[in-house]
C-alpha cells in the first residue's frame, strides 16, 4: 500500500500510475474539492492521459483520496515547496506532511520525499520522525525527485531515469527496489544530499 501526500501535478499522476500498476493507493490533500473530484474518478488539473489513469484507478478501487493520511507501507511526500520573500525556500508543507504521517509509520516502512528541496531537507524529515518517537533505523528514508515535463508526465514518470538518495545505503537500496517496479528508466543510486543537489542543479540548468 502507498500513501501519497499532495495530489498536485506530481502527486496525482504518481498515485494514478501506481494504482494502475497494482498498488493500493491512498492519496491525501488538504483541499476537500480536490479530494472529492478524484474520488469521482475525475481530475482537477490538465495533463494528457491523466484522466484515463485516474478514472481507471478509482473504478478499480485501487485509488482513494482523503484529507488525512492512513497506515501504509510506502509514504511519498509530493507537496509544494514555494519561495518565501527574497527567494528563501519554504519547506513548511514538507514539515507538515512529515508530521502528519508520523503517527502511521511502522517498522519496515518506506518514506520518500519527491518535492524540490534545499540540500539537507531529507535529513530534517528523518529528524522530525525521530522526534515523534519513530525508530528511524527501522524505516527507509530517501529523496527521489520527479524529473517530468508537463504534457508528458504519464510517459516520463515511467521512462525517465531516476535518482534515489537514501539517508543510509540500506535505504537507498530498498527505495530503488520500489522504483524499479514501475520505472523503466535507469535508477541512479546515491545519498540524499547528492540527490537533492542534483535536482536543484537540473532545475537551474
Protein backbone atom coordinates (compact mmCIF):
# COMPACT_ATOMS: atom_id res chain seq x y z
CA UNK A 1 0.00 0.00 0.00
CA UNK A 2 1.17 3.50 -0.86
CA UNK A 3 0.14 6.81 0.71
CA UNK A 4 0.82 9.86 -1.48
CA UNK A 5 0.80 13.21 0.32
CA UNK A 6 -0.08 16.06 -2.06
CA UNK A 7 -2.28 15.46 -5.11
CA UNK A 8 -0.99 18.13 -7.47
CA UNK A 9 0.90 17.91 -10.76
CA UNK A 10 3.29 15.26 -9.40
CA UNK A 11 1.39 13.53 -6.61
CA UNK A 12 -1.77 12.72 -8.56
CA UNK A 13 -0.04 11.29 -11.66
CA UNK A 14 2.24 9.24 -9.40
CA UNK A 15 -0.70 7.95 -7.37
CA UNK A 16 -2.70 7.08 -10.50
CA UNK A 17 0.27 5.34 -12.13
CA UNK A 18 0.98 3.24 -9.02
CA UNK A 19 -2.69 2.27 -8.71
CA UNK A 20 -2.72 1.13 -12.32
CA UNK A 21 0.40 -0.94 -11.59
CA UNK A 22 -1.45 -2.88 -8.89
CA UNK A 23 -0.62 -0.94 -5.75
CA UNK A 24 -3.37 0.01 -3.30
CA UNK A 25 -3.00 3.79 -3.19
CA UNK A 26 -4.38 6.35 -0.77
CA UNK A 27 -3.94 9.96 -1.83
CA UNK A 28 -4.00 12.83 0.66
CA UNK A 29 -4.65 16.51 0.01
CA UNK A 30 -5.67 19.40 2.28
CA UNK A 31 -8.14 20.65 -0.36
CA UNK A 32 -11.53 18.93 0.02
CA UNK A 33 -12.58 19.88 -3.51
CA UNK A 34 -9.52 18.11 -4.90
CA UNK A 35 -10.26 15.01 -2.80
CA UNK A 36 -13.92 14.92 -3.85
CA UNK A 37 -13.05 15.38 -7.54
CA UNK A 38 -10.57 12.49 -7.50
CA UNK A 39 -12.96 10.17 -5.66
CA UNK A 40 -15.41 10.76 -8.52
CA UNK A 41 -12.75 9.49 -10.93
CA UNK A 42 -12.14 12.98 -12.31
CA UNK A 43 -9.13 15.30 -12.33
CA UNK A 44 -8.61 18.92 -11.25
CA UNK A 45 -5.51 19.57 -13.36
CA UNK A 46 -4.83 19.41 -17.08
CA UNK A 47 -2.43 16.68 -18.19
CA UNK A 48 -2.72 14.38 -21.24
CA UNK A 49 -3.78 10.79 -20.39
CA UNK A 50 -4.09 11.54 -16.67
CA UNK A 51 -7.90 11.46 -16.77
CA UNK A 52 -7.91 7.89 -18.10
CA UNK A 53 -5.37 6.77 -15.48
CA UNK A 54 -7.34 8.32 -12.61
CA UNK A 55 -10.71 7.06 -13.86
CA UNK A 56 -9.37 3.50 -14.22
CA UNK A 57 -7.63 3.60 -10.82
CA UNK A 58 -10.72 4.87 -8.97
CA UNK A 59 -13.11 2.46 -10.73
CA UNK A 60 -10.86 -0.47 -9.81
CA UNK A 61 -10.95 0.58 -6.16
CA UNK A 62 -7.16 0.87 -6.04
CA UNK A 63 -7.11 4.67 -5.69
CA UNK A 64 -8.94 6.57 -2.96
CA UNK A 65 -8.37 10.10 -1.71
CA UNK A 66 -8.82 11.70 1.71
CA UNK A 67 -7.87 14.65 3.88
CA UNK A 68 -5.66 12.79 6.35
CA UNK A 69 -3.04 10.03 5.94
CA UNK A 70 -3.56 6.41 6.86
CA UNK A 71 -1.32 3.43 7.56
CA UNK A 72 0.65 2.28 4.51
CA UNK A 73 3.87 0.53 3.56
CA UNK A 74 5.23 3.41 1.45
CA UNK A 75 4.74 7.14 2.05
CA UNK A 76 5.51 9.57 -0.79
CA UNK A 77 5.65 13.29 0.03
CA UNK A 78 4.94 15.39 -3.08
CA UNK A 79 3.87 18.74 -1.66
CA UNK A 80 4.70 22.26 -2.91
CA UNK A 81 7.97 23.93 -1.90
CA UNK A 82 7.44 27.58 -2.91
CA UNK A 83 9.67 30.56 -2.22
CA UNK A 84 9.23 32.99 0.64
CA UNK A 85 10.11 36.67 0.15
CA UNK A 86 13.65 37.15 -1.06
CA UNK A 87 13.74 33.74 -2.76
CA UNK A 88 14.11 31.88 0.52
CA UNK A 89 12.93 28.27 0.22
CA UNK A 90 9.76 27.43 2.12
CA UNK A 91 9.67 23.80 3.30
CA UNK A 92 6.72 24.28 5.66
CA UNK A 93 4.50 21.94 3.61
CA UNK A 94 7.17 19.24 3.77
CA UNK A 95 7.44 19.61 7.55
CA UNK A 96 3.66 19.50 8.00
CA UNK A 97 3.36 16.46 5.71
CA UNK A 98 6.08 14.64 7.67
CA UNK A 99 4.36 15.35 10.98
CA UNK A 100 1.02 14.19 9.54
CA UNK A 101 2.34 10.75 8.53
CA UNK A 102 4.40 10.17 11.70
CA UNK A 103 1.55 8.51 13.68
CA UNK A 104 1.06 5.94 10.90
CA UNK A 105 4.65 4.85 10.31
CA UNK A 106 5.68 1.38 11.45
CA UNK A 107 8.80 -0.75 11.31
CA UNK A 108 9.87 -1.57 7.76
CA UNK A 109 8.04 1.32 6.08
CA UNK A 110 9.48 3.49 3.31
CA UNK A 111 9.33 7.31 3.38
CA UNK A 112 10.18 9.16 0.16
CA UNK A 113 10.47 12.91 -0.38
CA UNK A 114 9.92 13.91 -4.03
CA UNK A 115 9.42 17.69 -3.62
CA UNK A 116 12.16 20.00 -4.92
CA UNK A 117 14.01 20.80 -1.70
CA UNK A 118 17.10 22.54 -0.31
CA UNK A 119 20.07 20.29 0.41
CA UNK A 120 19.57 18.66 3.81
CA UNK A 121 15.76 18.59 3.80
CA UNK A 122 15.54 14.79 3.75
CA UNK A 123 17.67 14.65 6.89
CA UNK A 124 15.24 17.13 8.50
CA UNK A 125 12.42 14.72 7.62
CA UNK A 126 14.36 11.97 9.38
CA UNK A 127 14.92 14.18 12.44
CA UNK A 128 11.21 15.04 12.68
CA UNK A 129 10.25 11.36 12.57
CA UNK A 130 12.84 10.62 15.24
CA UNK A 131 11.43 13.41 17.43
CA UNK A 132 7.99 11.82 17.03
CA UNK A 133 9.31 8.63 18.62
CA UNK A 134 9.94 6.59 15.47
CA UNK A 135 12.99 4.34 15.35
CA UNK A 136 14.39 5.74 12.11
CA UNK A 137 16.87 2.85 11.88
CA UNK A 138 13.87 0.62 11.12
CA UNK A 139 12.46 2.89 8.40
CA UNK A 140 13.89 3.52 4.92
CA UNK A 141 14.02 7.25 4.17
CA UNK A 142 15.14 8.68 0.84
CA UNK A 143 14.97 11.59 -1.59
CA UNK A 144 13.85 10.82 -5.13
CA UNK A 145 12.91 13.91 -7.13
CA UNK A 146 10.48 13.86 -10.02
CA UNK A 147 12.00 14.83 -13.37
CA UNK A 148 8.99 15.22 -15.65
CA UNK A 149 7.79 17.84 -18.12
CA UNK A 150 4.14 18.94 -18.11
CA UNK A 151 2.35 17.42 -21.08
CA UNK A 152 4.49 14.28 -20.93
CA UNK A 153 4.16 13.35 -17.26
CA UNK A 154 2.49 9.94 -17.56
CA UNK A 155 5.13 8.74 -20.01
CA UNK A 156 8.14 10.35 -18.35
CA UNK A 157 7.25 9.03 -14.87
CA UNK A 158 7.97 5.61 -16.33
CA UNK A 159 10.66 6.24 -18.92
CA UNK A 160 12.92 8.87 -17.33
CA UNK A 161 15.97 7.97 -15.30
CA UNK A 162 15.50 8.49 -11.55
CA UNK A 163 17.97 9.38 -8.83
CA UNK A 164 17.47 7.78 -5.43
CA UNK A 165 19.33 9.17 -2.42
CA UNK A 166 18.80 7.40 0.87
CA UNK A 167 19.80 8.65 4.29
CA UNK A 168 21.62 5.31 4.61
CA UNK A 169 22.94 2.89 1.94
CA UNK A 170 20.28 0.38 3.01
CA UNK A 171 17.53 2.97 2.50
CA UNK A 172 18.88 3.74 -0.98
CA UNK A 173 18.69 0.07 -1.97
CA UNK A 174 15.17 -0.50 -0.63
CA UNK A 175 13.74 2.63 -2.20
CA UNK A 176 15.50 1.93 -5.51
CA UNK A 177 13.89 -1.53 -5.50
CA UNK A 178 10.49 0.13 -5.09
CA UNK A 179 11.02 2.42 -8.09
CA UNK A 180 12.12 -0.47 -10.30
CA UNK A 181 8.57 -1.85 -10.01
CA UNK A 182 7.22 0.95 -12.20
CA UNK A 183 10.17 2.83 -13.75
CA UNK A 184 11.80 1.51 -16.92
CA UNK A 185 14.45 4.24 -16.94
CA UNK A 186 17.81 3.94 -15.21
CA UNK A 187 17.82 4.12 -11.40
CA UNK A 188 20.86 6.04 -10.16
CA UNK A 189 21.76 5.41 -6.52
CA UNK A 190 23.43 7.95 -4.22
CA UNK A 191 22.88 9.70 -0.87
CA UNK A 192 20.11 12.16 -0.01
CA UNK A 193 22.20 15.35 -0.15
CA UNK A 194 23.64 14.46 -3.57
CA UNK A 195 20.16 13.67 -4.90
CA UNK A 196 18.83 17.00 -3.59
CA UNK A 197 21.72 18.88 -5.18
CA UNK A 198 21.24 17.03 -8.47
CA UNK A 199 17.60 18.13 -8.60
CA UNK A 200 18.46 21.76 -7.86
CA UNK A 201 21.21 21.71 -10.48
CA UNK A 202 18.93 20.19 -13.10
CA UNK A 203 16.17 22.73 -12.41
CA UNK A 204 18.68 25.59 -12.59
CA UNK A 205 20.02 24.28 -15.89
